[in-house]
Amino acid sequence: MRWREDMISRLKDEIEYLQATIRIMHADTATIGNASPSGRLTSLNDDAIAHYERTIEALQKIVTSLEAKDY
């Protein structure tokens, strides 16, 4: 496998991982958050999901460029 195909494969794996993580957070199976001094957990899932969606978008653009050999 050449470097381009290897990079595309790795980026696609990362995209799949982030998409799976988003599905888990939407299902409330996992929560990312902060614990307050009172012990309450403040969910940061919405912020994390938004960040992961932006990351996926950026990675998909890179994959598209690599597949088109436009870099």
N, C-alpha and C. Protein backbone atom coordinates (compact mmCIF):
# COMPACT_ATOMS: atom_id res chain seq x y z
N MET A 1 0.86 -1.17 0.00
CA MET A 1 0.00 0.00 0.00
C MET A 1 0.90 1.24 0.00
N ARG A 2 0.60 2.15 -0.84
CA ARG A 2 1.38 3.39 -0.91
C ARG A 2 0.91 4.36 0.16
N TRP A 3 1.67 5.42 0.32
CA TRP A 3 1.38 6.36 1.40
C TRP A 3 0.00 6.97 1.25
N ARG A 4 -0.41 7.27 0.02
CA ARG A 4 -1.72 7.92 -0.20
C ARG A 4 -2.85 6.98 0.22
N GLU A 5 -2.78 5.74 -0.23
CA GLU A 5 -3.82 4.77 0.11
C GLU A 5 -3.83 4.50 1.61
N ASP A 6 -2.64 4.45 2.20
CA ASP A 6 -2.54 4.24 3.64
C ASP A 6 -3.17 5.41 4.41
N MET A 7 -2.88 6.62 3.97
CA MET A 7 -3.45 7.81 4.62
C MET A 7 -4.97 7.83 4.47
N ILE A 8 -5.46 7.53 3.28
CA ILE A 8 -6.90 7.50 3.05
C ILE A 8 -7.56 6.47 3.96
N SER A 9 -6.96 5.30 4.06
CA SER A 9 -7.50 4.24 4.91
C SER A 9 -7.54 4.67 6.37
N ARG A 10 -6.46 5.28 6.84
CA ARG A 10 -6.41 5.72 8.23
C ARG A 10 -7.43 6.82 8.52
N LEU A 11 -7.57 7.75 7.58
CA LEU A 11 -8.54 8.83 7.77
C LEU A 11 -9.97 8.29 7.76
N LYS A 12 -10.26 7.35 6.88
CA LYS A 12 -11.60 6.75 6.84
C LYS A 12 -11.89 5.99 8.13
N ASP A 13 -10.88 5.32 8.67
CA ASP A 13 -11.06 4.63 9.96
C ASP A 13 -11.37 5.64 11.06
N GLU A 14 -10.68 6.76 11.05
CA GLU A 14 -10.91 7.80 12.06
C GLU A 14 -12.31 8.38 11.92
N ILE A 15 -12.75 8.60 10.69
CA ILE A 15 -14.10 9.11 10.44
C ILE A 15 -15.14 8.13 10.98
N GLU A 16 -14.95 6.83 10.70
CA GLU A 16 -15.88 5.82 11.21
C GLU A 16 -15.90 5.80 12.73
N TYR A 17 -14.74 5.93 13.35
CA TYR A 17 -14.66 5.94 14.82
C TYR A 17 -15.42 7.14 15.39
N LEU A 18 -15.21 8.32 14.80
CA LEU A 18 -15.90 9.52 15.28
C LEU A 18 -17.40 9.41 15.08
N GLN A 19 -17.83 8.85 13.95
CA GLN A 19 -19.26 8.67 13.71
C GLN A 19 -19.87 7.71 14.73
N ALA A 20 -19.15 6.65 15.05
CA ALA A 20 -19.64 5.70 16.06
C ALA A 20 -19.73 6.37 17.43
N THR A 21 -18.74 7.20 17.74
CA THR A 21 -18.74 7.92 19.02
C THR A 21 -19.93 8.86 19.09
N ILE A 22 -20.23 9.54 18.00
CA ILE A 22 -21.39 10.44 17.96
C ILE A 22 -22.68 9.65 18.20
N ARG A 23 -22.80 8.48 17.56
CA ARG A 23 -24.01 7.66 17.76
C ARG A 23 -24.15 7.26 19.23
N ILE A 24 -23.04 6.91 19.87
CA ILE A 24 -23.07 6.53 21.29
C ILE A 24 -23.49 7.71 22.14
N MET A 25 -22.99 8.90 21.84
CA MET A 25 -23.35 10.08 22.62
C MET A 25 -24.81 10.47 22.40
N HIS A 26 -25.30 10.33 21.18
CA HIS A 26 -26.72 10.62 20.91
C HIS A 26 -27.62 9.65 21.68
N ALA A 27 -27.17 8.43 21.85
CA ALA A 27 -27.95 7.42 22.57
C ALA A 27 -27.80 7.55 24.08
N ASP A 28 -27.01 8.52 24.52
CA ASP A 28 -26.73 8.74 25.94
C ASP A 28 -26.10 7.52 26.60
N THR A 29 -25.41 6.71 25.81
CA THR A 29 -24.68 5.57 26.35
C THR A 29 -23.40 6.04 27.02
N ALA A 30 -22.85 7.12 26.49
CA ALA A 30 -21.63 7.71 27.05
C ALA A 30 -21.84 9.20 27.23
N THR A 31 -21.27 9.75 28.27
CA THR A 31 -21.38 11.18 28.53
C THR A 31 -20.00 11.74 28.78
N ILE A 32 -19.72 12.82 28.08
CA ILE A 32 -18.51 13.59 28.34
C ILE A 32 -18.97 14.79 29.14
N GLY A 33 -18.33 15.07 30.24
CA GLY A 33 -18.79 16.19 31.03
C GLY A 33 -17.83 16.60 32.11
N ASN A 34 -18.28 17.58 32.86
CA ASN A 34 -17.53 18.10 34.01
C ASN A 34 -18.33 17.81 35.27
N ALA A 35 -17.62 17.49 36.31
CA ALA A 35 -18.27 17.31 37.61
C ALA A 35 -18.14 18.60 38.39
N SER A 36 -19.27 19.09 38.88
CA SER A 36 -19.27 20.31 39.70
C SER A 36 -18.86 19.94 41.12
N PRO A 37 -18.55 20.94 41.94
CA PRO A 37 -18.20 20.64 43.34
C PRO A 37 -19.30 19.89 44.08
N SER A 38 -20.55 20.07 43.65
CA SER A 38 -21.65 19.37 44.31
C SER A 38 -21.77 17.92 43.84
N GLY A 39 -20.98 17.56 42.83
CA GLY A 39 -21.02 16.20 42.32
C GLY A 39 -21.91 16.01 41.11
N ARG A 40 -22.59 17.08 40.69
CA ARG A 40 -23.43 16.99 39.49
C ARG A 40 -22.56 16.96 38.25
N LEU A 41 -22.98 16.16 37.30
CA LEU A 41 -22.26 16.06 36.04
C LEU A 41 -22.92 16.99 35.02
N THR A 42 -22.13 17.87 34.46
CA THR A 42 -22.60 18.76 33.41
C THR A 42 -22.19 18.14 32.08
N SER A 43 -23.16 17.77 31.28
CA SER A 43 -22.88 17.09 30.01
C SER A 43 -22.28 18.07 29.00
N LEU A 44 -21.25 17.61 28.36
CA LEU A 44 -20.63 18.36 27.27
C LEU A 44 -20.82 17.62 25.95
N ASN A 45 -21.77 16.69 25.92
CA ASN A 45 -21.99 15.88 24.73
C ASN A 45 -22.29 16.74 23.50
N ASP A 46 -23.15 17.74 23.64
CA ASP A 46 -23.51 18.57 22.49
C ASP A 46 -22.28 19.27 21.93
N ASP A 47 -21.43 19.79 22.81
CA ASP A 47 -20.21 20.45 22.36
C ASP A 47 -19.27 19.45 21.70
N ALA A 48 -19.13 18.27 22.29
CA ALA A 48 -18.26 17.24 21.72
C ALA A 48 -18.77 16.77 20.37
N ILE A 49 -20.07 16.58 20.26
CA ILE A 49 -20.67 16.14 18.99
C ILE A 49 -20.41 17.18 17.91
N ALA A 50 -20.61 18.45 18.23
CA ALA A 50 -20.36 19.52 17.25
C ALA A 50 -18.90 19.52 16.82
N HIS A 51 -18.00 19.35 17.78
CA HIS A 51 -16.57 19.31 17.46
C HIS A 51 -16.25 18.11 16.57
N TYR A 52 -16.79 16.95 16.90
CA TYR A 52 -16.54 15.75 16.10
C TYR A 52 -17.11 15.90 14.70
N GLU A 53 -18.27 16.53 14.57
CA GLU A 53 -18.86 16.74 13.25
C GLU A 53 -17.99 17.65 12.39
N ARG A 54 -17.43 18.70 13.00
CA ARG A 54 -16.51 19.59 12.27
C ARG A 54 -15.24 18.83 11.87
N THR A 55 -14.76 17.99 12.76
CA THR A 55 -13.57 17.20 12.47
C THR A 55 -13.83 16.23 11.33
N ILE A 56 -14.98 15.57 11.35
CA ILE A 56 -15.35 14.64 10.28
C ILE A 56 -15.40 15.37 8.95
N GLU A 57 -16.00 16.55 8.94
CA GLU A 57 -16.10 17.33 7.71
C GLU A 57 -14.71 17.65 7.16
N ALA A 58 -13.81 18.07 8.03
CA ALA A 58 -12.45 18.39 7.60
C ALA A 58 -11.73 17.15 7.08
N LEU A 59 -11.88 16.03 7.78
CA LEU A 59 -11.23 14.79 7.34
C LEU A 59 -11.78 14.31 6.01
N GLN A 60 -13.09 14.47 5.80
CA GLN A 60 -13.69 14.06 4.53
C GLN A 60 -13.16 14.90 3.37
N LYS A 61 -12.91 16.18 3.61
CA LYS A 61 -12.33 17.04 2.57
C LYS A 61 -10.92 16.58 2.23
N ILE A 62 -10.16 16.19 3.24
CA ILE A 62 -8.80 15.70 3.01
C ILE A 62 -8.84 14.40 2.22
N VAL A 63 -9.74 13.50 2.58
CA VAL A 63 -9.88 12.23 1.86
C VAL A 63 -10.24 12.49 0.41
N THR A 64 -11.18 13.39 0.18
CA THR A 64 -11.59 13.72 -1.19
C THR A 64 -10.42 14.25 -1.99
N SER A 65 -9.62 15.12 -1.39
CA SER A 65 -8.44 15.67 -2.08
C SER A 65 -7.42 14.58 -2.38
N LEU A 66 -7.19 13.70 -1.41
CA LEU A 66 -6.23 12.62 -1.62
C LEU A 66 -6.71 11.66 -2.71
N GLU A 67 -8.00 11.35 -2.70
CA GLU A 67 -8.54 10.44 -3.71
C GLU A 67 -8.47 11.06 -5.10
N ALA A 68 -8.62 12.39 -5.18
CA ALA A 68 -8.56 13.09 -6.46
C ALA A 68 -7.12 13.46 -6.83
N LYS A 69 -6.20 13.17 -5.91
CA LYS A 69 -4.79 13.55 -6.07
C LYS A 69 -4.66 15.05 -6.27
N ASP A 70 -5.52 15.79 -5.56
CA ASP A 70 -5.56 17.25 -5.64
C ASP A 70 -5.01 17.83 -4.35
N TYR A 71 -3.71 17.92 -4.27
CA TYR A 71 -3.07 18.43 -3.06
C TYR A 71 -1.84 19.20 -3.42
